Amino acid sequence: MSKKNPITISSWTLGDKCIFEQRCKAAAEAGYDGIGLRAETYVDALNEGLTDKDIIDILNKYNITCTEVEYIVQWCEEPRSYEQKYK
């Protein structure tokens, strides 16, 4: 990252239908320095079969960093869904 104030693309800007590498590629091609990452986005990447190392390698491939960790919703809500418990 060469900018003093990096520009981050929110995780919701790219929706929830693209795989992790597509997300990084789109952000890089649009001129962003970093991506926002939600717990769901991370779990989706793991479900794609990616490891933490794979995720870092993809970020590096596109010269993108994770510059924002986004909110977690329904943290204390009962009953919690499976997805919420997994977080």
C-alpha atoms as a PDB file:
ATOM      1  CA  MET A   1       0.000   0.000   0.000  1.00  0.00           C
ATOM      2  CA  SER A   2       1.559   3.230  -1.085  1.00  0.00           C
ATOM      3  CA  LYS A   3      -1.116   5.676  -0.084  1.00  0.00           C
ATOM      4  CA  LYS A   4      -1.244   7.502   3.219  1.00  0.00           C
ATOM      5  CA  ASN A   5      -5.004   6.958   3.345  1.00  0.00           C
ATOM      6  CA  PRO A   6      -5.848   3.654   1.655  1.00  0.00           C
ATOM      7  CA  ILE A   7      -9.208   3.256  -0.025  1.00  0.00           C
ATOM      8  CA  THR A   8     -11.157   0.235   1.189  1.00  0.00           C
ATOM      9  CA  ILE A   9     -14.002  -1.470  -0.625  1.00  0.00           C
ATOM     10  CA  SER A  10     -16.700  -2.591   1.796  1.00  0.00           C
ATOM     11  CA  SER A  11     -17.442  -6.290   1.782  1.00  0.00           C
ATOM     12  CA  TRP A  12     -21.085  -5.595   0.903  1.00  0.00           C
ATOM     13  CA  THR A  13     -20.115  -3.486  -2.119  1.00  0.00           C
ATOM     14  CA  LEU A  14     -19.298  -6.714  -3.958  1.00  0.00           C
ATOM     15  CA  GLY A  15     -22.289  -8.595  -2.558  1.00  0.00           C
ATOM     16  CA  ASP A  16     -22.232 -12.191  -1.427  1.00  0.00           C
ATOM     17  CA  LYS A  17     -22.195 -14.066  -4.746  1.00  0.00           C
ATOM     18  CA  CYS A  18     -18.511 -13.840  -5.683  1.00  0.00           C
ATOM     19  CA  ILE A  19     -15.693 -16.061  -4.512  1.00  0.00           C
ATOM     20  CA  PHE A  20     -12.803 -14.608  -2.525  1.00  0.00           C
ATOM     21  CA  GLU A  21     -10.400 -14.332  -5.466  1.00  0.00           C
ATOM     22  CA  GLN A  22     -13.017 -12.566  -7.606  1.00  0.00           C
ATOM     23  CA  ARG A  23     -13.543 -10.127  -4.730  1.00  0.00           C
ATOM     24  CA  CYS A  24      -9.825  -9.304  -4.551  1.00  0.00           C
ATOM     25  CA  LYS A  25      -9.444  -9.063  -8.327  1.00  0.00           C
ATOM     26  CA  ALA A  26     -12.439  -6.727  -8.677  1.00  0.00           C
ATOM     27  CA  ALA A  27     -11.158  -4.497  -5.872  1.00  0.00           C
ATOM     28  CA  ALA A  28      -7.682  -4.285  -7.409  1.00  0.00           C
ATOM     29  CA  GLU A  29      -9.001  -3.600 -10.916  1.00  0.00           C
ATOM     30  CA  ALA A  30     -11.196  -0.813  -9.553  1.00  0.00           C
ATOM     31  CA  GLY A  31      -8.196   0.837  -7.866  1.00  0.00           C
ATOM     32  CA  TYR A  32      -8.903  -0.023  -4.237  1.00  0.00           C
ATOM     33  CA  ASP A  33      -6.050  -0.655  -1.803  1.00  0.00           C
ATOM     34  CA  GLY A  34      -7.909  -2.972   0.525  1.00  0.00           C
ATOM     35  CA  ILE A  35     -11.039  -4.964   1.143  1.00  0.00           C
ATOM     36  CA  GLY A  36     -13.413  -5.186   4.057  1.00  0.00           C
ATOM     37  CA  LEU A  37     -13.870  -8.663   5.453  1.00  0.00           C
ATOM     38  CA  ARG A  38     -16.938  -9.944   7.302  1.00  0.00           C
ATOM     39  CA  ALA A  39     -17.033 -13.162   9.284  1.00  0.00           C
ATOM     40  CA  GLU A  40     -19.345 -14.581   6.608  1.00  0.00           C
ATOM     41  CA  THR A  41     -16.881 -13.690   3.850  1.00  0.00           C
ATOM     42  CA  TYR A  42     -14.092 -15.451   5.716  1.00  0.00           C
ATOM     43  CA  VAL A  43     -16.239 -18.552   6.346  1.00  0.00           C
ATOM     44  CA  ASP A  44     -17.250 -18.561   2.665  1.00  0.00           C
ATOM     45  CA  ALA A  45     -13.557 -18.517   1.685  1.00  0.00           C
ATOM     46  CA  LEU A  46     -12.880 -21.456   3.996  1.00  0.00           C
ATOM     47  CA  ASN A  47     -15.863 -23.276   2.494  1.00  0.00           C
ATOM     48  CA  GLU A  48     -14.304 -22.728  -0.954  1.00  0.00           C
ATOM     49  CA  GLY A  49     -11.452 -24.851   0.357  1.00  0.00           C
ATOM     50  CA  LEU A  50      -9.067 -21.964   0.966  1.00  0.00           C
ATOM     51  CA  THR A  51      -6.672 -21.970   3.896  1.00  0.00           C
ATOM     52  CA  ASP A  52      -5.487 -18.843   5.706  1.00  0.00           C
ATOM     53  CA  LYS A  53      -2.283 -19.078   3.655  1.00  0.00           C
ATOM     54  CA  ASP A  54      -4.318 -19.283   0.430  1.00  0.00           C
ATOM     55  CA  ILE A  55      -6.254 -16.176   1.451  1.00  0.00           C
ATOM     56  CA  ILE A  56      -3.037 -14.273   2.146  1.00  0.00           C
ATOM     57  CA  ASP A  57      -1.553 -15.473  -1.154  1.00  0.00           C
ATOM     58  CA  ILE A  58      -4.618 -14.207  -3.052  1.00  0.00           C
ATOM     59  CA  LEU A  59      -4.439 -10.840  -1.288  1.00  0.00           C
ATOM     60  CA  ASN A  60      -0.759 -10.598  -2.212  1.00  0.00           C
ATOM     61  CA  LYS A  61      -1.408 -11.698  -5.813  1.00  0.00           C
ATOM     62  CA  TYR A  62      -3.639  -8.655  -6.317  1.00  0.00           C
ATOM     63  CA  ASN A  63      -1.618  -6.341  -4.037  1.00  0.00           C
ATOM     64  CA  ILE A  64      -4.670  -5.952  -1.787  1.00  0.00           C
ATOM     65  CA  THR A  65      -4.775  -5.951   1.997  1.00  0.00           C
ATOM     66  CA  CYS A  66      -7.575  -6.537   4.458  1.00  0.00           C
ATOM     67  CA  THR A  67      -7.936  -3.014   5.808  1.00  0.00           C
ATOM     68  CA  GLU A  68     -11.261  -3.448   7.571  1.00  0.00           C
ATOM     69  CA  VAL A  69     -12.861  -6.141   9.676  1.00  0.00           C
ATOM     70  CA  GLU A  70     -16.562  -5.517   9.541  1.00  0.00           C
ATOM     71  CA  TYR A  71     -19.286  -5.843  12.096  1.00  0.00           C
ATOM     72  CA  ILE A  72     -20.687  -8.997  13.623  1.00  0.00           C
ATOM     73  CA  VAL A  73     -24.457  -8.938  14.017  1.00  0.00           C
ATOM     74  CA  GLN A  74     -26.754 -10.700  16.476  1.00  0.00           C
ATOM     75  CA  TRP A  75     -23.825 -11.443  18.792  1.00  0.00           C
ATOM     76  CA  CYS A  76     -25.966 -12.005  21.900  1.00  0.00           C
ATOM     77  CA  GLU A  77     -29.295 -12.825  20.316  1.00  0.00           C
ATOM     78  CA  GLU A  78     -31.112 -15.990  21.391  1.00  0.00           C
ATOM     79  CA  PRO A  79     -31.776 -18.335  19.822  1.00  0.00           C
ATOM     80  CA  ARG A  80     -28.732 -17.948  17.606  1.00  0.00           C
ATOM     81  CA  SER A  81     -28.635 -19.541  14.174  1.00  0.00           C
ATOM     82  CA  TYR A  82     -25.955 -22.067  13.280  1.00  0.00           C
ATOM     83  CA  GLU A  83     -24.106 -19.378  11.313  1.00  0.00           C
ATOM     84  CA  GLN A  84     -24.148 -17.012  14.276  1.00  0.00           C
ATOM     85  CA  LYS A  85     -22.906 -19.720  16.632  1.00  0.00           C
ATOM     86  CA  TYR A  86     -20.106 -20.545  14.193  1.00  0.00           C
ATOM     87  CA  LYS A  87     -18.765 -16.992  14.402  1.00  0.00           C
END
